């Protein structure tokens, strides 16, 4: 069973490895696209974002927030799924070429290492902090629409509602 992870594990790179890979890709004239996030409970909104990002270039690198960074910027109760398993899920997607886990609370440092041609974010999740770093190397930010009603936060709320409803039913 562990061998099932080997193909996707090959796509998961360290910050140093991804920097070297990005340099080589640039030298070969490849258009590098990045996106970033927690990708805690992978859903079709994430898939739409990843498919859109991949369509904009030759290579898609997904920058994944580490468990600690998710705890700091989202909630001490998150992530639900560990970084190791989130990275494996993302790496298993055919549109994802590489996954790199970053420890910082925002992606500026990892984007500085990669120097993407295009960085993709959802309109609702965009705070503008990536813009200066991406544009510094001639790259651009592309904002995409979210899939209405699909977010990990919404899914978690729905699960809590279902659990609370079940508890109420069982106590009647």
Foldseek 3Di string as FASTA:
>chain_A
DVVVLVQLVVQEDELVVLLVVLVVCVVVVWAEEEEEDACQPPDVLVVVQLVVRLVVTPAYEYEHEAQQLCCVPPHVVDDPDHPVVSSSVQSPDPSHRHYYYDHHNDCQVSCLSNLGQEYEDEPVPDPPPNQVSNVVSPHYYDYDHTDPQDDPVSVVVVVVVVVVVVVVVVVD
